């Protein structure tokens, strides 16, 4: 197969509206945000817990999919680097990977910290962070 179907399961609600004002990483000052799940997948979130960490996968719909190299952190002093070695949103398949902390759950709305995605960004999955054996 050359193509795979990927559909959003929800959207991000955030005060962040443009890339220029968004932090490069969630832990660098992202405002609290919401993951708003579609009704048909809301039951999938029933065992998420406030205070837990989760991985949120997004589709960075405003990314430039033609970009293959970038200067990390937009720093002109850094050498051009292949996007697969960076967290740049501009890449051939602009999948965002975000580790967040769940701060609240209200029905199909999950309040999170440390999400640097822009308002309206499609969410494609939410995964619990599992401790490795021996970690607590």
C-alpha atoms as a PDB file:
ATOM      1  CA  UNK A   1       0.000   0.000   0.000  1.00  0.00           C
ATOM      2  CA  UNK A   2       1.221   3.454  -0.863  1.00  0.00           C
ATOM      3  CA  UNK A   3      -1.396   5.336   1.153  1.00  0.00           C
ATOM      4  CA  UNK A   4      -2.993   4.863   4.546  1.00  0.00           C
ATOM      5  CA  UNK A   5      -6.138   6.399   5.917  1.00  0.00           C
ATOM      6  CA  UNK A   6      -5.612   8.675   8.889  1.00  0.00           C
ATOM      7  CA  UNK A   7      -8.514  10.601  10.359  1.00  0.00           C
ATOM      8  CA  UNK A   8      -8.573  13.134  13.168  1.00  0.00           C
ATOM      9  CA  UNK A   9     -10.151  12.003  16.429  1.00  0.00           C
ATOM     10  CA  UNK A  10     -10.456  15.547  17.733  1.00  0.00           C
ATOM     11  CA  UNK A  11      -8.929  19.004  17.754  1.00  0.00           C
ATOM     12  CA  UNK A  12      -6.754  21.181  19.949  1.00  0.00           C
ATOM     13  CA  UNK A  13      -8.279  24.226  21.627  1.00  0.00           C
ATOM     14  CA  UNK A  14      -5.512  26.615  22.616  1.00  0.00           C
ATOM     15  CA  UNK A  15      -4.810  30.327  22.889  1.00  0.00           C
ATOM     16  CA  UNK A  16      -1.880  29.719  20.507  1.00  0.00           C
ATOM     17  CA  UNK A  17      -2.942  30.885  17.072  1.00  0.00           C
ATOM     18  CA  UNK A  18       0.268  31.376  15.097  1.00  0.00           C
ATOM     19  CA  UNK A  19       3.615  29.630  14.915  1.00  0.00           C
ATOM     20  CA  UNK A  20       5.618  32.779  15.582  1.00  0.00           C
ATOM     21  CA  UNK A  21       4.197  33.112  19.097  1.00  0.00           C
ATOM     22  CA  UNK A  22       4.226  29.399  19.963  1.00  0.00           C
ATOM     23  CA  UNK A  23       7.031  27.942  22.072  1.00  0.00           C
ATOM     24  CA  UNK A  24       9.357  25.464  20.337  1.00  0.00           C
ATOM     25  CA  UNK A  25       8.583  22.793  22.963  1.00  0.00           C
ATOM     26  CA  UNK A  26       5.598  22.398  25.269  1.00  0.00           C
ATOM     27  CA  UNK A  27       7.600  22.736  28.484  1.00  0.00           C
ATOM     28  CA  UNK A  28       8.903  26.145  27.324  1.00  0.00           C
ATOM     29  CA  UNK A  29       5.853  28.145  28.354  1.00  0.00           C
ATOM     30  CA  UNK A  30       2.871  26.632  26.566  1.00  0.00           C
ATOM     31  CA  UNK A  31      -0.477  27.839  27.870  1.00  0.00           C
ATOM     32  CA  UNK A  32      -2.981  25.318  29.193  1.00  0.00           C
ATOM     33  CA  UNK A  33      -4.939  23.779  26.325  1.00  0.00           C
ATOM     34  CA  UNK A  34      -7.731  21.322  25.602  1.00  0.00           C
ATOM     35  CA  UNK A  35      -7.924  18.190  23.518  1.00  0.00           C
ATOM     36  CA  UNK A  36     -11.528  18.009  22.356  1.00  0.00           C
ATOM     37  CA  UNK A  37     -12.353  14.482  21.224  1.00  0.00           C
ATOM     38  CA  UNK A  38     -15.002  13.622  18.671  1.00  0.00           C
ATOM     39  CA  UNK A  39     -18.068  12.019  20.253  1.00  0.00           C
ATOM     40  CA  UNK A  40     -17.519   8.719  18.424  1.00  0.00           C
ATOM     41  CA  UNK A  41     -14.143   8.160  20.177  1.00  0.00           C
ATOM     42  CA  UNK A  42     -14.874   9.730  23.589  1.00  0.00           C
ATOM     43  CA  UNK A  43     -15.234   6.344  25.310  1.00  0.00           C
ATOM     44  CA  UNK A  44     -11.606   5.546  24.385  1.00  0.00           C
ATOM     45  CA  UNK A  45     -10.467   8.169  26.925  1.00  0.00           C
ATOM     46  CA  UNK A  46     -12.505   6.833  29.844  1.00  0.00           C
ATOM     47  CA  UNK A  47      -9.505   5.455  31.756  1.00  0.00           C
ATOM     48  CA  UNK A  48      -7.217   8.467  31.416  1.00  0.00           C
ATOM     49  CA  UNK A  49      -6.472  10.084  34.772  1.00  0.00           C
ATOM     50  CA  UNK A  50      -5.873  13.611  35.961  1.00  0.00           C
ATOM     51  CA  UNK A  51      -2.188  14.002  36.847  1.00  0.00           C
ATOM     52  CA  UNK A  52      -1.047  11.334  34.381  1.00  0.00           C
ATOM     53  CA  UNK A  53       1.190  11.979  31.397  1.00  0.00           C
ATOM     54  CA  UNK A  54       0.097  11.144  27.871  1.00  0.00           C
ATOM     55  CA  UNK A  55       1.558  11.303  24.399  1.00  0.00           C
ATOM     56  CA  UNK A  56      -0.593  13.273  21.973  1.00  0.00           C
ATOM     57  CA  UNK A  57      -0.077  12.771  18.252  1.00  0.00           C
ATOM     58  CA  UNK A  58      -1.232  15.628  16.065  1.00  0.00           C
ATOM     59  CA  UNK A  59      -1.310  16.388  12.357  1.00  0.00           C
ATOM     60  CA  UNK A  60       0.550  19.672  11.959  1.00  0.00           C
ATOM     61  CA  UNK A  61      -1.792  20.908   9.261  1.00  0.00           C
ATOM     62  CA  UNK A  62      -0.008  24.234   8.726  1.00  0.00           C
ATOM     63  CA  UNK A  63       3.403  22.647   8.141  1.00  0.00           C
ATOM     64  CA  UNK A  64       5.407  22.886   4.934  1.00  0.00           C
ATOM     65  CA  UNK A  65       5.669  19.276   3.721  1.00  0.00           C
ATOM     66  CA  UNK A  66       8.426  20.104   1.186  1.00  0.00           C
ATOM     67  CA  UNK A  67      11.028  20.973   3.843  1.00  0.00           C
ATOM     68  CA  UNK A  68      13.781  18.402   4.307  1.00  0.00           C
ATOM     69  CA  UNK A  69      16.426  20.446   6.130  1.00  0.00           C
ATOM     70  CA  UNK A  70      16.199  23.134   8.775  1.00  0.00           C
ATOM     71  CA  UNK A  71      18.349  25.036  11.221  1.00  0.00           C
ATOM     72  CA  UNK A  72      17.400  23.714  14.683  1.00  0.00           C
ATOM     73  CA  UNK A  73      15.465  26.254  16.755  1.00  0.00           C
ATOM     74  CA  UNK A  74      15.650  28.621  13.737  1.00  0.00           C
ATOM     75  CA  UNK A  75      19.168  29.516  14.868  1.00  0.00           C
ATOM     76  CA  UNK A  76      21.229  30.771  11.886  1.00  0.00           C
ATOM     77  CA  UNK A  77      24.436  29.820  13.748  1.00  0.00           C
ATOM     78  CA  UNK A  78      23.470  26.139  13.604  1.00  0.00           C
ATOM     79  CA  UNK A  79      24.200  24.105  10.481  1.00  0.00           C
ATOM     80  CA  UNK A  80      21.356  22.879   8.278  1.00  0.00           C
ATOM     81  CA  UNK A  81      20.089  19.582   9.671  1.00  0.00           C
ATOM     82  CA  UNK A  82      17.802  16.935   8.177  1.00  0.00           C
ATOM     83  CA  UNK A  83      14.321  17.290   9.662  1.00  0.00           C
ATOM     84  CA  UNK A  84      14.268  13.653  10.810  1.00  0.00           C
ATOM     85  CA  UNK A  85      16.980  14.649  13.331  1.00  0.00           C
ATOM     86  CA  UNK A  86      14.889  17.541  14.662  1.00  0.00           C
ATOM     87  CA  UNK A  87      11.473  18.306  16.139  1.00  0.00           C
ATOM     88  CA  UNK A  88      10.659  20.732  13.317  1.00  0.00           C
ATOM     89  CA  UNK A  89       6.949  20.871  12.415  1.00  0.00           C
ATOM     90  CA  UNK A  90       7.930  21.223   8.736  1.00  0.00           C
ATOM     91  CA  UNK A  91       8.554  17.712   7.373  1.00  0.00           C
ATOM     92  CA  UNK A  92       7.239  15.281   4.734  1.00  0.00           C
ATOM     93  CA  UNK A  93       4.622  13.806   7.108  1.00  0.00           C
ATOM     94  CA  UNK A  94       3.968  16.503   9.724  1.00  0.00           C
ATOM     95  CA  UNK A  95       3.073  14.335  12.695  1.00  0.00           C
ATOM     96  CA  UNK A  96       3.415  16.202  15.983  1.00  0.00           C
ATOM     97  CA  UNK A  97       4.556  14.327  19.092  1.00  0.00           C
ATOM     98  CA  UNK A  98       3.697  15.991  22.409  1.00  0.00           C
ATOM     99  CA  UNK A  99       4.175  14.736  25.960  1.00  0.00           C
ATOM    100  CA  UNK A 100       1.492  16.399  28.070  1.00  0.00           C
ATOM    101  CA  UNK A 101       0.225  16.286  31.645  1.00  0.00           C
ATOM    102  CA  UNK A 102      -3.517  15.794  32.053  1.00  0.00           C
ATOM    103  CA  UNK A 103      -4.883  18.568  34.289  1.00  0.00           C
ATOM    104  CA  UNK A 104      -8.626  17.895  33.971  1.00  0.00           C
ATOM    105  CA  UNK A 105     -11.186  15.743  32.211  1.00  0.00           C
ATOM    106  CA  UNK A 106     -14.662  17.045  31.401  1.00  0.00           C
ATOM    107  CA  UNK A 107     -16.543  14.547  29.271  1.00  0.00           C
ATOM    108  CA  UNK A 108     -14.843  14.460  25.875  1.00  0.00           C
ATOM    109  CA  UNK A 109     -12.594  17.424  26.772  1.00  0.00           C
ATOM    110  CA  UNK A 110      -9.146  16.711  28.196  1.00  0.00           C
ATOM    111  CA  UNK A 111      -7.370  19.679  29.752  1.00  0.00           C
ATOM    112  CA  UNK A 112      -3.585  19.453  29.331  1.00  0.00           C
ATOM    113  CA  UNK A 113      -0.358  21.257  30.139  1.00  0.00           C
ATOM    114  CA  UNK A 114       2.719  21.489  27.906  1.00  0.00           C
ATOM    115  CA  UNK A 115       0.959  21.297  24.529  1.00  0.00           C
ATOM    116  CA  UNK A 116       2.529  23.696  22.017  1.00  0.00           C
ATOM    117  CA  UNK A 117       0.110  22.840  19.180  1.00  0.00           C
ATOM    118  CA  UNK A 118      -1.875  25.660  17.592  1.00  0.00           C
ATOM    119  CA  UNK A 119      -5.599  26.147  18.043  1.00  0.00           C
ATOM    120  CA  UNK A 120      -7.532  23.879  15.673  1.00  0.00           C
ATOM    121  CA  UNK A 121      -4.691  21.400  15.139  1.00  0.00           C
ATOM    122  CA  UNK A 122      -6.115  17.943  14.371  1.00  0.00           C
ATOM    123  CA  UNK A 123      -5.445  15.267  17.012  1.00  0.00           C
ATOM    124  CA  UNK A 124      -4.805  11.799  15.569  1.00  0.00           C
ATOM    125  CA  UNK A 125      -4.143   9.781  18.748  1.00  0.00           C
ATOM    126  CA  UNK A 126      -3.647   9.901  22.507  1.00  0.00           C
ATOM    127  CA  UNK A 127      -1.458   7.308  24.205  1.00  0.00           C
ATOM    128  CA  UNK A 128      -0.831   6.748  27.894  1.00  0.00           C
ATOM    129  CA  UNK A 129       2.761   7.048  29.074  1.00  0.00           C
ATOM    130  CA  UNK A 130       3.683   3.721  30.609  1.00  0.00           C
ATOM    131  CA  UNK A 131       6.433   3.372  33.180  1.00  0.00           C
ATOM    132  CA  UNK A 132       9.252   1.061  32.223  1.00  0.00           C
ATOM    133  CA  UNK A 133       9.806  -1.903  34.549  1.00  0.00           C
ATOM    134  CA  UNK A 134      11.597  -0.676  37.650  1.00  0.00           C
ATOM    135  CA  UNK A 135      10.446   2.962  37.217  1.00  0.00           C
ATOM    136  CA  UNK A 136       7.822   4.634  39.384  1.00  0.00           C
END
